[in-house]
């Protein structure tokens, strides 16, 4: 796979972590085989789910539909990067200027 799509939320509690796991499971079940949910991390006030794909825009739209259905969309930030680069391209919210994984 060529790209890493990162779904990110603010997180500061065990409830936030539980929600992260729930969202991750929903994505594993709902995304097609050409997207590999590659794990998660939490810390420094944020939670991240990592997805490997060759089609970040398509998987973004599919992930969005899954997250909207389970109330995980409101605070989401989403970006992707080429696995050979460090810079992220922001997909959501569209006015977000900087995206980083801490």
N, C-alpha and C. Protein backbone atom coordinates (compact mmCIF):
# COMPACT_ATOMS: atom_id res chain seq x y z
N UNK A 1 0.84 -1.16 0.00
CA UNK A 1 0.00 0.00 0.00
C UNK A 1 0.89 1.24 0.00
N UNK A 2 0.41 2.28 -0.63
CA UNK A 2 1.23 3.46 -0.84
C UNK A 2 0.99 4.59 0.15
N UNK A 3 -0.21 4.66 0.75
CA UNK A 3 -0.56 5.79 1.61
C UNK A 3 -0.99 5.34 2.99
N UNK A 4 -0.81 6.25 3.94
CA UNK A 4 -1.33 6.06 5.29
C UNK A 4 -2.37 7.15 5.53
N UNK A 5 -3.60 6.72 5.77
CA UNK A 5 -4.69 7.62 6.13
C UNK A 5 -4.79 7.60 7.65
N UNK A 6 -4.86 8.78 8.27
CA UNK A 6 -4.92 8.88 9.72
C UNK A 6 -6.21 9.57 10.11
N UNK A 7 -6.98 8.90 10.96
CA UNK A 7 -8.19 9.47 11.55
C UNK A 7 -7.83 9.82 12.98
N UNK A 8 -8.12 11.06 13.37
CA UNK A 8 -7.63 11.55 14.66
C UNK A 8 -8.74 12.29 15.41
N UNK A 9 -8.74 12.11 16.74
CA UNK A 9 -9.69 12.80 17.62
C UNK A 9 -8.96 13.30 18.85
N UNK A 10 -9.50 14.36 19.48
CA UNK A 10 -9.00 14.73 20.79
C UNK A 10 -9.32 13.59 21.77
N UNK A 11 -8.43 13.31 22.69
CA UNK A 11 -8.65 12.21 23.65
C UNK A 11 -7.94 12.51 24.95
N UNK A 12 -8.66 12.29 26.05
CA UNK A 12 -8.04 12.54 27.34
C UNK A 12 -8.55 11.62 28.44
N UNK A 13 -9.38 10.64 28.09
CA UNK A 13 -9.96 9.79 29.12
C UNK A 13 -10.06 8.34 28.65
N UNK A 14 -10.35 7.45 29.56
CA UNK A 14 -10.55 6.05 29.21
C UNK A 14 -11.78 5.90 28.31
N UNK A 15 -12.80 6.75 28.51
CA UNK A 15 -13.96 6.72 27.63
C UNK A 15 -13.58 7.06 26.19
N UNK A 16 -12.67 8.02 26.02
CA UNK A 16 -12.18 8.37 24.68
C UNK A 16 -11.46 7.17 24.06
N UNK A 17 -10.67 6.47 24.87
CA UNK A 17 -9.95 5.30 24.37
C UNK A 17 -10.92 4.19 23.99
N UNK A 18 -11.93 3.98 24.81
CA UNK A 18 -12.95 2.97 24.49
C UNK A 18 -13.65 3.30 23.17
N UNK A 19 -13.95 4.58 22.96
CA UNK A 19 -14.57 5.00 21.70
C UNK A 19 -13.64 4.74 20.53
N UNK A 20 -12.34 5.01 20.72
CA UNK A 20 -11.35 4.76 19.67
C UNK A 20 -11.39 3.29 19.25
N UNK A 21 -11.40 2.38 20.21
CA UNK A 21 -11.43 0.95 19.90
C UNK A 21 -12.73 0.59 19.18
N UNK A 22 -13.82 1.18 19.62
CA UNK A 22 -15.11 0.92 18.98
C UNK A 22 -15.10 1.39 17.52
N UNK A 23 -14.57 2.60 17.28
CA UNK A 23 -14.47 3.12 15.91
C UNK A 23 -13.55 2.24 15.06
N UNK A 24 -12.44 1.82 15.66
CA UNK A 24 -11.50 0.97 14.92
C UNK A 24 -12.17 -0.33 14.49
N UNK A 25 -12.91 -0.95 15.39
CA UNK A 25 -13.62 -2.19 15.05
C UNK A 25 -14.65 -1.96 13.95
N UNK A 26 -15.37 -0.83 14.03
CA UNK A 26 -16.36 -0.51 12.99
C UNK A 26 -15.69 -0.32 11.63
N UNK A 27 -14.52 0.29 11.62
CA UNK A 27 -13.79 0.48 10.36
C UNK A 27 -13.27 -0.85 9.82
N UNK A 28 -12.76 -1.70 10.69
CA UNK A 28 -12.28 -3.02 10.26
C UNK A 28 -13.42 -3.78 9.58
N UNK A 29 -14.59 -3.74 10.19
CA UNK A 29 -15.76 -4.44 9.64
C UNK A 29 -16.30 -3.79 8.37
N UNK A 30 -16.24 -2.46 8.29
CA UNK A 30 -16.93 -1.76 7.22
C UNK A 30 -16.13 -1.37 6.00
N UNK A 31 -14.81 -1.33 6.12
CA UNK A 31 -13.99 -0.92 4.97
C UNK A 31 -13.70 -2.11 4.05
N UNK A 32 -13.50 -1.85 2.76
CA UNK A 32 -13.21 -2.93 1.83
C UNK A 32 -11.80 -3.49 2.01
N UNK A 33 -11.54 -4.58 1.32
CA UNK A 33 -10.25 -5.28 1.45
C UNK A 33 -9.06 -4.47 0.97
N UNK A 34 -9.29 -3.43 0.16
CA UNK A 34 -8.15 -2.64 -0.31
C UNK A 34 -7.75 -1.55 0.69
N UNK A 35 -8.29 -1.64 1.91
CA UNK A 35 -7.90 -0.76 3.01
C UNK A 35 -7.55 -1.66 4.20
N UNK A 36 -6.39 -1.44 4.76
CA UNK A 36 -5.95 -2.24 5.91
C UNK A 36 -5.88 -1.35 7.15
N UNK A 37 -6.77 -1.59 8.10
CA UNK A 37 -6.68 -0.86 9.37
C UNK A 37 -5.43 -1.36 10.07
N UNK A 38 -4.48 -0.45 10.25
CA UNK A 38 -3.13 -0.81 10.67
C UNK A 38 -2.85 -0.47 12.13
N UNK A 39 -3.89 -0.33 12.94
CA UNK A 39 -3.69 -0.10 14.35
C UNK A 39 -4.09 1.29 14.79
N UNK A 40 -3.77 1.57 16.05
CA UNK A 40 -4.15 2.84 16.66
C UNK A 40 -3.10 3.22 17.70
N UNK A 41 -3.17 4.47 18.13
CA UNK A 41 -2.41 4.91 19.28
C UNK A 41 -3.17 6.04 19.96
N UNK A 42 -2.82 6.27 21.20
CA UNK A 42 -3.45 7.35 21.96
C UNK A 42 -2.41 7.92 22.92
N UNK A 43 -2.45 9.21 23.07
CA UNK A 43 -1.53 9.90 23.97
C UNK A 43 -1.37 11.33 23.54
N UNK A 44 -0.79 12.14 24.40
CA UNK A 44 -0.57 13.56 24.12
C UNK A 44 -1.85 14.28 23.72
N UNK A 45 -2.98 13.82 24.29
CA UNK A 45 -4.25 14.50 24.03
C UNK A 45 -4.93 14.14 22.73
N UNK A 46 -4.43 13.11 22.05
CA UNK A 46 -5.06 12.71 20.79
C UNK A 46 -5.10 11.20 20.65
N UNK A 47 -6.05 10.74 19.86
CA UNK A 47 -6.17 9.32 19.52
C UNK A 47 -6.16 9.21 18.00
N UNK A 48 -5.48 8.20 17.48
CA UNK A 48 -5.31 8.04 16.04
C UNK A 48 -5.63 6.61 15.62
N UNK A 49 -6.26 6.48 14.47
CA UNK A 49 -6.41 5.19 13.80
C UNK A 49 -5.69 5.30 12.47
N UNK A 50 -4.87 4.30 12.16
CA UNK A 50 -4.06 4.30 10.94
C UNK A 50 -4.63 3.30 9.94
N UNK A 51 -4.77 3.74 8.70
CA UNK A 51 -5.29 2.88 7.64
C UNK A 51 -4.33 2.95 6.46
N UNK A 52 -3.90 1.80 5.98
CA UNK A 52 -3.06 1.73 4.78
C UNK A 52 -3.95 1.52 3.57
N UNK A 53 -3.66 2.25 2.50
CA UNK A 53 -4.49 2.17 1.31
C UNK A 53 -3.75 2.72 0.09
N UNK A 54 -4.20 2.35 -1.07
CA UNK A 54 -3.71 2.97 -2.30
C UNK A 54 -4.67 4.06 -2.77
N UNK A 55 -5.82 4.19 -2.09
CA UNK A 55 -6.86 5.13 -2.51
C UNK A 55 -7.34 5.96 -1.31
N UNK A 56 -6.54 6.91 -0.83
CA UNK A 56 -6.91 7.62 0.39
C UNK A 56 -8.21 8.42 0.27
N UNK A 57 -8.50 8.99 -0.88
CA UNK A 57 -9.72 9.78 -1.02
C UNK A 57 -10.96 8.89 -0.96
N UNK A 58 -10.92 7.77 -1.63
CA UNK A 58 -12.04 6.83 -1.61
C UNK A 58 -12.26 6.28 -0.21
N UNK A 59 -11.20 5.86 0.45
CA UNK A 59 -11.32 5.30 1.79
C UNK A 59 -11.76 6.38 2.78
N UNK A 60 -11.32 7.62 2.59
CA UNK A 60 -11.80 8.72 3.42
C UNK A 60 -13.33 8.81 3.36
N UNK A 61 -13.90 8.77 2.17
CA UNK A 61 -15.36 8.89 2.03
C UNK A 61 -16.07 7.69 2.66
N UNK A 62 -15.53 6.51 2.51
CA UNK A 62 -16.12 5.33 3.13
C UNK A 62 -16.01 5.39 4.66
N UNK A 63 -14.86 5.80 5.15
CA UNK A 63 -14.66 5.92 6.60
C UNK A 63 -15.58 7.00 7.17
N UNK A 64 -15.75 8.07 6.44
CA UNK A 64 -16.64 9.13 6.89
C UNK A 64 -18.06 8.61 7.08
N UNK A 65 -18.55 7.83 6.13
CA UNK A 65 -19.90 7.28 6.24
C UNK A 65 -20.03 6.38 7.46
N UNK A 66 -19.01 5.58 7.73
CA UNK A 66 -19.03 4.69 8.90
C UNK A 66 -19.03 5.52 10.18
N UNK A 67 -18.16 6.52 10.25
CA UNK A 67 -18.06 7.32 11.47
C UNK A 67 -19.30 8.18 11.70
N UNK A 68 -19.90 8.69 10.63
CA UNK A 68 -21.13 9.46 10.79
C UNK A 68 -22.25 8.59 11.35
N UNK A 69 -22.27 7.33 10.95
CA UNK A 69 -23.32 6.41 11.42
C UNK A 69 -23.16 6.07 12.89
N UNK A 70 -21.95 6.21 13.44
CA UNK A 70 -21.75 5.85 14.85
C UNK A 70 -21.29 7.05 15.68
N UNK A 71 -21.68 8.24 15.27
CA UNK A 71 -21.41 9.48 16.01
C UNK A 71 -19.93 9.73 16.28
N UNK A 72 -19.07 9.29 15.37
CA UNK A 72 -17.65 9.51 15.56
C UNK A 72 -17.08 10.61 14.69
N UNK A 73 -17.96 11.36 14.07
CA UNK A 73 -17.51 12.32 13.08
C UNK A 73 -17.25 13.71 13.65
N UNK A 74 -17.97 14.11 14.67
CA UNK A 74 -18.02 15.50 15.12
C UNK A 74 -16.63 16.13 15.32
N UNK A 75 -15.73 15.46 15.98
CA UNK A 75 -14.42 16.05 16.28
C UNK A 75 -13.28 15.44 15.47
N UNK A 76 -13.61 14.69 14.44
CA UNK A 76 -12.57 13.99 13.66
C UNK A 76 -11.72 14.97 12.86
N UNK A 77 -10.45 14.62 12.77
CA UNK A 77 -9.50 15.27 11.85
C UNK A 77 -8.90 14.14 11.03
N UNK A 78 -8.81 14.35 9.73
CA UNK A 78 -8.35 13.27 8.85
C UNK A 78 -7.36 13.82 7.84
N UNK A 79 -6.27 13.07 7.68
CA UNK A 79 -5.24 13.44 6.71
C UNK A 79 -4.57 12.17 6.21
N UNK A 80 -3.81 12.31 5.13
CA UNK A 80 -3.05 11.17 4.63
C UNK A 80 -1.66 11.63 4.22
N UNK A 81 -0.78 10.64 4.11
CA UNK A 81 0.58 10.91 3.63
C UNK A 81 1.05 9.74 2.79
N UNK A 82 1.92 10.03 1.86
CA UNK A 82 2.65 9.00 1.15
C UNK A 82 3.56 8.34 2.17
N UNK A 83 3.64 7.03 2.18
CA UNK A 83 4.44 6.33 3.18
C UNK A 83 5.93 6.69 3.11
N UNK A 84 6.37 7.24 2.00
CA UNK A 84 7.77 7.62 1.86
C UNK A 84 8.02 9.08 2.23
N UNK A 85 6.99 9.76 2.72
CA UNK A 85 7.11 11.18 3.08
C UNK A 85 6.55 11.41 4.47
N UNK A 86 6.88 12.55 5.04
CA UNK A 86 6.40 12.89 6.37
C UNK A 86 5.24 13.88 6.36
N UNK A 87 5.04 14.61 5.26
CA UNK A 87 4.04 15.65 5.20
C UNK A 87 2.66 15.06 4.96
N UNK A 88 1.67 15.59 5.70
CA UNK A 88 0.29 15.14 5.57
C UNK A 88 -0.51 16.09 4.69
N UNK A 89 -1.44 15.52 3.95
CA UNK A 89 -2.43 16.28 3.19
C UNK A 89 -3.74 16.19 3.95
N UNK A 90 -4.27 17.32 4.38
CA UNK A 90 -5.50 17.36 5.17
C UNK A 90 -6.71 17.12 4.29
N UNK A 91 -7.59 16.22 4.75
CA UNK A 91 -8.86 15.97 4.07
C UNK A 91 -10.03 16.55 4.86
N UNK A 92 -9.93 16.54 6.20
CA UNK A 92 -11.03 17.04 7.02
C UNK A 92 -10.51 17.51 8.36
N UNK A 93 -11.01 18.58 8.91
CA UNK A 93 -11.90 19.54 8.27
C UNK A 93 -11.16 20.33 7.20
N UNK A 94 -11.87 20.79 6.24
CA UNK A 94 -11.22 21.38 5.07
C UNK A 94 -10.45 22.66 5.39
N UNK A 95 -10.76 23.31 6.50
CA UNK A 95 -10.04 24.53 6.87
C UNK A 95 -8.88 24.29 7.83
N UNK A 96 -8.61 23.02 8.16
CA UNK A 96 -7.49 22.69 9.05
C UNK A 96 -6.17 22.97 8.32
N UNK A 97 -5.31 23.74 8.96
CA UNK A 97 -4.04 24.14 8.32
C UNK A 97 -2.88 23.21 8.63
N UNK A 98 -2.89 22.61 9.83
CA UNK A 98 -1.75 21.80 10.24
C UNK A 98 -2.28 20.48 10.83
N UNK A 99 -1.65 19.39 10.43
CA UNK A 99 -2.01 18.06 10.94
C UNK A 99 -0.72 17.38 11.35
N UNK A 100 -0.71 16.84 12.56
CA UNK A 100 0.46 16.08 12.99
C UNK A 100 0.04 14.97 13.93
N UNK A 101 0.81 13.91 13.91
CA UNK A 101 0.61 12.79 14.83
C UNK A 101 1.67 12.93 15.91
N UNK A 102 1.22 13.11 17.12
CA UNK A 102 2.16 13.31 18.24
C UNK A 102 2.57 11.99 18.84
